[in-house]
Amino acid sequence: MNAALTNFETALSSAKTETEAFEALCVLAKATVGAKLFTVMTVDMDAMLARRAYTDDAENYPTSGTKPITINSWFEQVHERKETFVANTLEDIAKVFPDSELIGKLGCGSVINLPILIDGELAATVNILHEEGYYTPERVTQTQDILSGPAKAALRFAQAD
C-alpha cells in the first residue's frame, strides 16, 4: 500500500490538469480497494447541481454537463450527514440511482460513495463500483482510511486548476 500511496503522491505532484489529479486518485483506488468503475462528482449546493468531474468510463459516464441534486435517502446520508453510502446489491443501488440498469450491464452491483469535505462542507463524492457484494465492511473502512486524504488533495488541486 505504501507504494500505491507514493505513486499517487508522485502522480499528483506532476499533474497539470484536474483530469490528471483525479486519474491519480483512480489508480490509487483500483490498486488498494478495487473498482470496476470510478467517478468523481463535484457538488454546488447553492445551485443544487452535481457535475461529473472525472470518469474512467467516458463512453457510459461522460464528464459533460451537470445534473440537479435530488433530495432522497442517499442525499440525506451523504450530503446532510456526510456519511459514506454503501450498497452491495443492484436492488439496493436501484433504490437511489436511476441508472442502476446501466450499472448492472457494466458488471457492477456494489457501490461506495465517499463524501469529500472541504472546510466541513461536502464538495464532492468519490464513487467506486464493483461486482455485487464486493464492498465488505472491511473494504469500506479501508476505502475511508486510504482514499479520504488523497481525495481531498486531488479535489483541492482540481479546484485550484
N, C-alpha and C. Protein backbone atom coordinates (compact mmCIF):
# COMPACT_ATOMS: atom_id res chain seq x y z
N MET A 1 0.82 -1.20 0.00
CA MET A 1 0.00 0.00 0.00
C MET A 1 0.86 1.26 0.00
N ASN A 2 1.99 1.24 0.69
CA ASN A 2 2.86 2.41 0.70
C ASN A 2 3.31 2.78 -0.71
N ALA A 3 3.57 1.77 -1.54
CA ALA A 3 3.98 2.04 -2.92
C ALA A 3 2.84 2.72 -3.68
N ALA A 4 1.61 2.27 -3.44
CA ALA A 4 0.46 2.88 -4.12
C ALA A 4 0.28 4.33 -3.69
N LEU A 5 0.46 4.61 -2.41
CA LEU A 5 0.35 6.00 -1.93
C LEU A 5 1.49 6.85 -2.47
N THR A 6 2.68 6.29 -2.51
CA THR A 6 3.83 7.01 -3.08
C THR A 6 3.58 7.31 -4.55
N ASN A 7 3.06 6.33 -5.28
CA ASN A 7 2.75 6.54 -6.70
C ASN A 7 1.70 7.64 -6.87
N PHE A 8 0.68 7.64 -5.98
CA PHE A 8 -0.34 8.68 -6.03
C PHE A 8 0.29 10.05 -5.81
N GLU A 9 1.10 10.17 -4.76
CA GLU A 9 1.73 11.46 -4.44
C GLU A 9 2.59 11.95 -5.60
N THR A 10 3.33 11.04 -6.22
CA THR A 10 4.17 11.40 -7.36
C THR A 10 3.31 11.87 -8.53
N ALA A 11 2.24 11.12 -8.82
CA ALA A 11 1.36 11.48 -9.93
C ALA A 11 0.66 12.81 -9.66
N LEU A 12 0.21 13.02 -8.44
CA LEU A 12 -0.47 14.28 -8.12
C LEU A 12 0.49 15.45 -8.21
N SER A 13 1.72 15.27 -7.75
CA SER A 13 2.68 16.37 -7.78
C SER A 13 3.07 16.75 -9.21
N SER A 14 2.93 15.81 -10.14
CA SER A 14 3.26 16.15 -11.53
C SER A 14 2.01 16.43 -12.37
N ALA A 15 0.83 16.36 -11.77
CA ALA A 15 -0.41 16.61 -12.51
C ALA A 15 -0.47 18.06 -12.98
N LYS A 16 -1.00 18.22 -14.17
CA LYS A 16 -1.16 19.56 -14.74
C LYS A 16 -2.63 19.95 -14.89
N THR A 17 -3.52 18.94 -14.83
CA THR A 17 -4.95 19.19 -15.04
C THR A 17 -5.77 18.48 -13.97
N GLU A 18 -7.03 18.89 -13.86
CA GLU A 18 -7.98 18.22 -12.97
C GLU A 18 -8.07 16.74 -13.31
N THR A 19 -8.14 16.43 -14.59
CA THR A 19 -8.25 15.04 -15.02
C THR A 19 -7.06 14.22 -14.55
N GLU A 20 -5.87 14.75 -14.66
CA GLU A 20 -4.67 14.03 -14.21
C GLU A 20 -4.68 13.82 -12.71
N ALA A 21 -5.17 14.79 -11.96
CA ALA A 21 -5.24 14.65 -10.50
C ALA A 21 -6.22 13.54 -10.12
N PHE A 22 -7.39 13.53 -10.76
CA PHE A 22 -8.38 12.50 -10.45
C PHE A 22 -7.96 11.14 -11.01
N GLU A 23 -7.22 11.13 -12.10
CA GLU A 23 -6.70 9.86 -12.63
C GLU A 23 -5.74 9.24 -11.61
N ALA A 24 -4.92 10.04 -10.96
CA ALA A 24 -4.03 9.53 -9.92
C ALA A 24 -4.83 8.90 -8.78
N LEU A 25 -5.93 9.54 -8.42
CA LEU A 25 -6.80 9.01 -7.36
C LEU A 25 -7.46 7.70 -7.81
N CYS A 26 -7.88 7.64 -9.05
CA CYS A 26 -8.48 6.43 -9.61
C CYS A 26 -7.50 5.26 -9.55
N VAL A 27 -6.28 5.50 -9.96
CA VAL A 27 -5.25 4.46 -9.93
C VAL A 27 -5.03 3.98 -8.50
N LEU A 28 -4.99 4.91 -7.55
CA LEU A 28 -4.83 4.55 -6.15
C LEU A 28 -6.00 3.68 -5.67
N ALA A 29 -7.22 4.08 -6.01
CA ALA A 29 -8.41 3.33 -5.58
C ALA A 29 -8.38 1.91 -6.15
N LYS A 30 -8.05 1.79 -7.41
CA LYS A 30 -8.03 0.46 -8.03
C LYS A 30 -6.91 -0.41 -7.47
N ALA A 31 -5.77 0.20 -7.12
CA ALA A 31 -4.65 -0.56 -6.59
C ALA A 31 -4.85 -0.99 -5.14
N THR A 32 -5.65 -0.25 -4.40
CA THR A 32 -5.77 -0.54 -2.97
C THR A 32 -7.11 -1.15 -2.58
N VAL A 33 -8.19 -0.62 -3.07
CA VAL A 33 -9.52 -1.07 -2.68
C VAL A 33 -10.16 -1.92 -3.76
N GLY A 34 -9.96 -1.54 -5.00
CA GLY A 34 -10.56 -2.23 -6.13
C GLY A 34 -11.78 -1.50 -6.64
N ALA A 35 -11.89 -1.37 -7.95
CA ALA A 35 -13.05 -0.72 -8.58
C ALA A 35 -13.11 -1.12 -10.04
N LYS A 36 -14.33 -1.39 -10.51
CA LYS A 36 -14.56 -1.61 -11.94
C LYS A 36 -14.92 -0.29 -12.61
N LEU A 37 -15.54 0.62 -11.85
CA LEU A 37 -15.94 1.93 -12.35
C LEU A 37 -15.59 2.96 -11.28
N PHE A 38 -15.02 4.07 -11.70
CA PHE A 38 -14.59 5.10 -10.76
C PHE A 38 -14.98 6.45 -11.32
N THR A 39 -15.70 7.24 -10.53
CA THR A 39 -16.05 8.60 -10.93
C THR A 39 -15.89 9.54 -9.74
N VAL A 40 -15.81 10.82 -10.04
CA VAL A 40 -15.82 11.87 -9.01
C VAL A 40 -16.90 12.86 -9.42
N MET A 41 -17.80 13.15 -8.49
CA MET A 41 -18.85 14.14 -8.72
C MET A 41 -18.61 15.32 -7.79
N THR A 42 -18.51 16.52 -8.35
CA THR A 42 -18.44 17.71 -7.52
C THR A 42 -19.85 18.24 -7.32
N VAL A 43 -20.04 18.98 -6.24
CA VAL A 43 -21.38 19.49 -5.95
C VAL A 43 -21.34 21.00 -5.74
N ASP A 44 -22.39 21.64 -6.19
CA ASP A 44 -22.62 23.06 -5.96
C ASP A 44 -23.95 23.14 -5.24
N MET A 45 -23.89 23.20 -3.91
CA MET A 45 -25.11 23.16 -3.11
C MET A 45 -25.93 24.43 -3.28
N ASP A 46 -25.29 25.56 -3.56
CA ASP A 46 -26.05 26.79 -3.77
C ASP A 46 -26.94 26.67 -5.00
N ALA A 47 -26.40 26.07 -6.06
CA ALA A 47 -27.17 25.89 -7.29
C ALA A 47 -27.92 24.55 -7.32
N MET A 48 -27.65 23.68 -6.32
CA MET A 48 -28.23 22.33 -6.25
C MET A 48 -27.92 21.53 -7.52
N LEU A 49 -26.64 21.59 -7.92
CA LEU A 49 -26.18 20.88 -9.11
C LEU A 49 -24.97 20.01 -8.79
N ALA A 50 -24.91 18.86 -9.45
CA ALA A 50 -23.74 17.98 -9.38
C ALA A 50 -23.12 17.91 -10.76
N ARG A 51 -21.79 17.78 -10.79
CA ARG A 51 -21.06 17.69 -12.06
C ARG A 51 -20.08 16.52 -11.98
N ARG A 52 -20.11 15.65 -12.99
CA ARG A 52 -19.14 14.57 -13.03
C ARG A 52 -17.83 15.17 -13.49
N ALA A 53 -16.90 15.29 -12.56
CA ALA A 53 -15.61 15.92 -12.84
C ALA A 53 -14.60 14.93 -13.41
N TYR A 54 -14.82 13.64 -13.13
CA TYR A 54 -13.89 12.62 -13.63
C TYR A 54 -14.64 11.31 -13.81
N THR A 55 -14.24 10.55 -14.81
CA THR A 55 -14.75 9.21 -15.03
C THR A 55 -13.67 8.36 -15.67
N ASP A 56 -13.67 7.08 -15.35
CA ASP A 56 -12.77 6.19 -16.07
C ASP A 56 -13.52 5.41 -17.15
N ASP A 57 -14.78 5.82 -17.40
CA ASP A 57 -15.60 5.22 -18.45
C ASP A 57 -16.39 6.34 -19.15
N ALA A 58 -15.69 7.10 -19.97
CA ALA A 58 -16.30 8.26 -20.62
C ALA A 58 -17.42 7.88 -21.58
N GLU A 59 -17.40 6.67 -22.10
CA GLU A 59 -18.45 6.25 -23.03
C GLU A 59 -19.80 6.14 -22.31
N ASN A 60 -19.81 5.52 -21.14
CA ASN A 60 -21.06 5.32 -20.41
C ASN A 60 -21.35 6.42 -19.39
N TYR A 61 -20.31 7.06 -18.87
CA TYR A 61 -20.46 8.10 -17.87
C TYR A 61 -19.61 9.32 -18.23
N PRO A 62 -20.03 10.08 -19.23
CA PRO A 62 -19.23 11.24 -19.67
C PRO A 62 -19.16 12.34 -18.61
N THR A 63 -18.18 13.20 -18.77
CA THR A 63 -17.99 14.30 -17.82
C THR A 63 -18.69 15.58 -18.27
N SER A 64 -19.59 15.48 -19.21
CA SER A 64 -20.24 16.69 -19.72
C SER A 64 -21.43 17.11 -18.87
N GLY A 65 -21.58 18.40 -18.69
CA GLY A 65 -22.78 18.96 -18.09
C GLY A 65 -22.95 18.72 -16.61
N THR A 66 -24.11 19.13 -16.13
CA THR A 66 -24.46 19.00 -14.72
C THR A 66 -25.82 18.31 -14.62
N LYS A 67 -26.14 17.87 -13.42
CA LYS A 67 -27.47 17.32 -13.18
C LYS A 67 -27.97 17.84 -11.84
N PRO A 68 -29.29 18.00 -11.72
CA PRO A 68 -29.84 18.51 -10.47
C PRO A 68 -29.64 17.51 -9.34
N ILE A 69 -29.39 18.02 -8.17
CA ILE A 69 -29.27 17.19 -6.97
C ILE A 69 -30.68 16.84 -6.51
N THR A 70 -30.92 15.56 -6.31
CA THR A 70 -32.22 15.07 -5.89
C THR A 70 -32.22 14.82 -4.38
N ILE A 71 -33.25 15.30 -3.72
CA ILE A 71 -33.38 15.07 -2.29
C ILE A 71 -34.03 13.70 -2.07
N ASN A 72 -33.25 12.76 -1.54
CA ASN A 72 -33.76 11.42 -1.23
C ASN A 72 -32.94 10.87 -0.06
N SER A 73 -33.09 9.58 0.22
CA SER A 73 -32.37 9.00 1.36
C SER A 73 -30.86 9.05 1.15
N TRP A 74 -30.42 8.89 -0.10
CA TRP A 74 -28.99 8.99 -0.40
C TRP A 74 -28.49 10.41 -0.08
N PHE A 75 -29.24 11.41 -0.50
CA PHE A 75 -28.88 12.81 -0.24
C PHE A 75 -28.77 13.04 1.27
N GLU A 76 -29.75 12.57 2.01
CA GLU A 76 -29.74 12.76 3.46
C GLU A 76 -28.50 12.14 4.09
N GLN A 77 -28.12 10.95 3.65
CA GLN A 77 -26.96 10.27 4.22
C GLN A 77 -25.65 10.93 3.81
N VAL A 78 -25.47 11.18 2.52
CA VAL A 78 -24.18 11.66 2.01
C VAL A 78 -24.05 13.17 2.16
N HIS A 79 -25.06 13.92 1.77
CA HIS A 79 -24.97 15.38 1.78
C HIS A 79 -25.23 15.97 3.16
N GLU A 80 -26.28 15.51 3.81
CA GLU A 80 -26.64 16.12 5.09
C GLU A 80 -25.82 15.57 6.25
N ARG A 81 -25.73 14.23 6.36
CA ARG A 81 -24.99 13.64 7.48
C ARG A 81 -23.51 13.45 7.15
N LYS A 82 -23.16 13.59 5.88
CA LYS A 82 -21.77 13.48 5.41
C LYS A 82 -21.18 12.10 5.73
N GLU A 83 -22.01 11.09 5.52
CA GLU A 83 -21.63 9.70 5.76
C GLU A 83 -21.44 8.97 4.43
N THR A 84 -20.56 7.99 4.44
CA THR A 84 -20.33 7.16 3.27
C THR A 84 -21.57 6.32 2.99
N PHE A 85 -21.94 6.27 1.72
CA PHE A 85 -23.06 5.43 1.28
C PHE A 85 -22.48 4.14 0.71
N VAL A 86 -23.08 3.02 1.09
CA VAL A 86 -22.66 1.72 0.57
C VAL A 86 -23.91 0.93 0.18
N ALA A 87 -23.88 0.33 -0.99
CA ALA A 87 -24.90 -0.62 -1.41
C ALA A 87 -24.18 -1.79 -2.04
N ASN A 88 -24.57 -3.00 -1.69
CA ASN A 88 -23.88 -4.18 -2.17
C ASN A 88 -24.72 -5.08 -3.07
N THR A 89 -25.90 -4.59 -3.46
CA THR A 89 -26.72 -5.32 -4.44
C THR A 89 -27.26 -4.32 -5.45
N LEU A 90 -27.54 -4.82 -6.63
CA LEU A 90 -28.13 -3.97 -7.66
C LEU A 90 -29.51 -3.49 -7.22
N GLU A 91 -30.22 -4.31 -6.48
CA GLU A 91 -31.53 -3.94 -5.96
C GLU A 91 -31.42 -2.72 -5.04
N ASP A 92 -30.42 -2.72 -4.16
CA ASP A 92 -30.23 -1.57 -3.27
C ASP A 92 -29.77 -0.33 -4.04
N ILE A 93 -28.94 -0.53 -5.05
CA ILE A 93 -28.50 0.59 -5.89
C ILE A 93 -29.70 1.21 -6.60
N ALA A 94 -30.61 0.37 -7.08
CA ALA A 94 -31.79 0.85 -7.82
C ALA A 94 -32.70 1.72 -6.96
N LYS A 95 -32.64 1.56 -5.66
CA LYS A 95 -33.49 2.36 -4.76
C LYS A 95 -33.12 3.84 -4.79
N VAL A 96 -31.87 4.15 -5.13
CA VAL A 96 -31.43 5.54 -5.09
C VAL A 96 -30.81 6.05 -6.40
N PHE A 97 -30.46 5.17 -7.31
CA PHE A 97 -29.83 5.59 -8.56
C PHE A 97 -30.66 5.17 -9.76
N PRO A 98 -31.13 6.13 -10.56
CA PRO A 98 -31.96 5.79 -11.72
C PRO A 98 -31.20 5.06 -12.83
N ASP A 99 -29.88 5.07 -12.79
CA ASP A 99 -29.08 4.40 -13.83
C ASP A 99 -28.64 3.00 -13.40
N SER A 100 -29.39 2.38 -12.50
CA SER A 100 -28.99 1.06 -11.98
C SER A 100 -28.93 -0.01 -13.08
N GLU A 101 -29.77 0.11 -14.10
CA GLU A 101 -29.73 -0.87 -15.19
C GLU A 101 -28.38 -0.82 -15.91
N LEU A 102 -27.90 0.39 -16.20
CA LEU A 102 -26.59 0.54 -16.84
C LEU A 102 -25.48 0.04 -15.92
N ILE A 103 -25.59 0.36 -14.64
CA ILE A 103 -24.59 -0.10 -13.67
C ILE A 103 -24.48 -1.63 -13.73
N GLY A 104 -25.64 -2.31 -13.76
CA GLY A 104 -25.65 -3.76 -13.84
C GLY A 104 -25.05 -4.27 -15.14
N LYS A 105 -25.35 -3.60 -16.26
CA LYS A 105 -24.80 -4.01 -17.56
C LYS A 105 -23.28 -3.90 -17.59
N LEU A 106 -22.73 -3.01 -16.76
CA LEU A 106 -21.28 -2.83 -16.71
C LEU A 106 -20.61 -3.82 -15.76
N GLY A 107 -21.41 -4.75 -15.22
CA GLY A 107 -20.87 -5.77 -14.33
C GLY A 107 -20.70 -5.31 -12.90
N CYS A 108 -21.38 -4.24 -12.56
CA CYS A 108 -21.27 -3.71 -11.21
C CYS A 108 -22.56 -3.98 -10.44
N GLY A 109 -22.41 -4.26 -9.15
CA GLY A 109 -23.56 -4.49 -8.30
C GLY A 109 -23.34 -4.00 -6.89
N SER A 110 -22.23 -3.28 -6.68
CA SER A 110 -21.98 -2.66 -5.38
C SER A 110 -21.33 -1.30 -5.61
N VAL A 111 -21.54 -0.42 -4.64
CA VAL A 111 -21.04 0.95 -4.77
C VAL A 111 -20.67 1.51 -3.41
N ILE A 112 -19.64 2.33 -3.42
CA ILE A 112 -19.30 3.19 -2.28
C ILE A 112 -19.30 4.62 -2.81
N ASN A 113 -20.01 5.51 -2.13
CA ASN A 113 -19.94 6.95 -2.41
C ASN A 113 -19.29 7.58 -1.18
N LEU A 114 -18.06 8.00 -1.35
CA LEU A 114 -17.27 8.58 -0.26
C LEU A 114 -17.37 10.09 -0.32
N PRO A 115 -17.98 10.71 0.70
CA PRO A 115 -18.07 12.17 0.68
C PRO A 115 -16.70 12.81 0.94
N ILE A 116 -16.40 13.85 0.18
CA ILE A 116 -15.16 14.61 0.37
C ILE A 116 -15.53 15.99 0.86
N LEU A 117 -15.05 16.29 2.06
CA LEU A 117 -15.38 17.56 2.71
C LEU A 117 -14.22 18.53 2.58
N ILE A 118 -14.55 19.76 2.28
CA ILE A 118 -13.59 20.86 2.29
C ILE A 118 -14.14 21.89 3.26
N ASP A 119 -13.37 22.20 4.27
CA ASP A 119 -13.81 23.13 5.32
C ASP A 119 -15.15 22.72 5.92
N GLY A 120 -15.33 21.39 6.10
CA GLY A 120 -16.53 20.87 6.74
C GLY A 120 -17.75 20.78 5.85
N GLU A 121 -17.63 21.20 4.60
CA GLU A 121 -18.76 21.16 3.68
C GLU A 121 -18.52 20.13 2.59
N LEU A 122 -19.59 19.46 2.16
CA LEU A 122 -19.47 18.49 1.09
C LEU A 122 -19.10 19.22 -0.20
N ALA A 123 -17.99 18.80 -0.79
CA ALA A 123 -17.53 19.41 -2.04
C ALA A 123 -17.60 18.42 -3.21
N ALA A 124 -17.55 17.12 -2.88
CA ALA A 124 -17.55 16.11 -3.94
C ALA A 124 -17.81 14.73 -3.32
N THR A 125 -18.08 13.78 -4.21
CA THR A 125 -18.12 12.38 -3.80
C THR A 125 -17.21 11.59 -4.73
N VAL A 126 -16.49 10.65 -4.14
CA VAL A 126 -15.73 9.68 -4.90
C VAL A 126 -16.63 8.45 -4.96
N ASN A 127 -16.86 7.96 -6.18
CA ASN A 127 -17.81 6.88 -6.40
C ASN A 127 -17.08 5.70 -7.02
N ILE A 128 -17.04 4.61 -6.27
CA ILE A 128 -16.37 3.42 -6.78
C ILE A 128 -17.37 2.27 -6.81
N LEU A 129 -17.36 1.55 -7.91
CA LEU A 129 -18.30 0.46 -8.10
C LEU A 129 -17.56 -0.82 -8.47
N HIS A 130 -18.13 -1.93 -8.04
CA HIS A 130 -17.53 -3.24 -8.31
C HIS A 130 -18.64 -4.26 -8.38
N GLU A 131 -18.26 -5.52 -8.48
CA GLU A 131 -19.25 -6.60 -8.55
C GLU A 131 -20.09 -6.67 -7.28
N GLU A 132 -21.23 -7.30 -7.37
CA GLU A 132 -22.15 -7.40 -6.24
C GLU A 132 -21.45 -8.00 -5.02
N GLY A 133 -21.70 -7.40 -3.85
CA GLY A 133 -21.17 -7.90 -2.59
C GLY A 133 -19.70 -7.57 -2.33
N TYR A 134 -19.08 -6.79 -3.20
CA TYR A 134 -17.63 -6.56 -3.10
C TYR A 134 -17.24 -5.68 -1.92
N TYR A 135 -18.04 -4.67 -1.61
CA TYR A 135 -17.63 -3.69 -0.60
C TYR A 135 -18.08 -4.12 0.79
N THR A 136 -17.29 -5.04 1.33
CA THR A 136 -17.49 -5.55 2.69
C THR A 136 -17.22 -4.43 3.69
N PRO A 137 -17.64 -4.61 4.93
CA PRO A 137 -17.32 -3.59 5.94
C PRO A 137 -15.82 -3.28 6.03
N GLU A 138 -14.98 -4.30 5.86
CA GLU A 138 -13.54 -4.08 5.90
C GLU A 138 -13.08 -3.21 4.73
N ARG A 139 -13.63 -3.47 3.55
CA ARG A 139 -13.25 -2.66 2.38
C ARG A 139 -13.78 -1.24 2.50
N VAL A 140 -14.94 -1.08 3.11
CA VAL A 140 -15.47 0.28 3.31
C VAL A 140 -14.54 1.06 4.24
N THR A 141 -14.14 0.44 5.33
CA THR A 141 -13.20 1.10 6.26
C THR A 141 -11.88 1.40 5.55
N GLN A 142 -11.40 0.44 4.77
CA GLN A 142 -10.16 0.63 4.01
C GLN A 142 -10.31 1.81 3.04
N THR A 143 -11.43 1.89 2.37
CA THR A 143 -11.69 2.99 1.44
C THR A 143 -11.63 4.32 2.16
N GLN A 144 -12.31 4.41 3.28
CA GLN A 144 -12.33 5.66 4.04
C GLN A 144 -10.93 6.02 4.53
N ASP A 145 -10.22 5.04 5.05
CA ASP A 145 -8.88 5.28 5.60
C ASP A 145 -7.87 5.67 4.52
N ILE A 146 -7.91 4.98 3.39
CA ILE A 146 -6.91 5.19 2.35
C ILE A 146 -7.24 6.36 1.44
N LEU A 147 -8.50 6.50 1.05
CA LEU A 147 -8.83 7.46 -0.01
C LEU A 147 -9.25 8.85 0.46
N SER A 148 -9.67 9.00 1.70
CA SER A 148 -10.18 10.32 2.14
C SER A 148 -9.15 11.43 1.99
N GLY A 149 -7.95 11.23 2.50
CA GLY A 149 -6.90 12.26 2.38
C GLY A 149 -6.49 12.52 0.94
N PRO A 150 -6.14 11.48 0.19
CA PRO A 150 -5.79 11.68 -1.21
C PRO A 150 -6.92 12.31 -2.04
N ALA A 151 -8.17 11.92 -1.75
CA ALA A 151 -9.29 12.51 -2.48
C ALA A 151 -9.39 14.01 -2.21
N LYS A 152 -9.20 14.38 -0.97
CA LYS A 152 -9.23 15.81 -0.63
C LYS A 152 -8.08 16.54 -1.33
N ALA A 153 -6.90 15.93 -1.38
CA ALA A 153 -5.75 16.54 -2.05
C ALA A 153 -6.01 16.70 -3.55
N ALA A 154 -6.58 15.67 -4.18
CA ALA A 154 -6.88 15.75 -5.62
C ALA A 154 -7.94 16.81 -5.88
N LEU A 155 -8.95 16.89 -5.01
CA LEU A 155 -10.01 17.88 -5.19
C LEU A 155 -9.46 19.30 -5.01
N ARG A 156 -8.63 19.49 -4.01
CA ARG A 156 -8.03 20.84 -3.82
C ARG A 156 -7.20 21.21 -5.04
N PHE A 157 -6.46 20.27 -5.61
CA PHE A 157 -5.70 20.53 -6.83
C PHE A 157 -6.66 20.94 -7.95
N ALA A 158 -7.74 20.17 -8.10
CA ALA A 158 -8.71 20.45 -9.17
C ALA A 158 -9.37 21.82 -8.99
N GLN A 159 -9.65 22.19 -7.76
CA GLN A 159 -10.28 23.48 -7.51
C GLN A 159 -9.32 24.63 -7.81
N ALA A 160 -8.03 24.38 -7.67
CA ALA A 160 -7.04 25.41 -7.94
C ALA A 160 -6.66 25.48 -9.41
N ASP A 161 -6.99 24.40 -10.13
CA ASP A 161 -6.62 24.28 -11.55
C ASP A 161 -7.27 25.37 -12.40
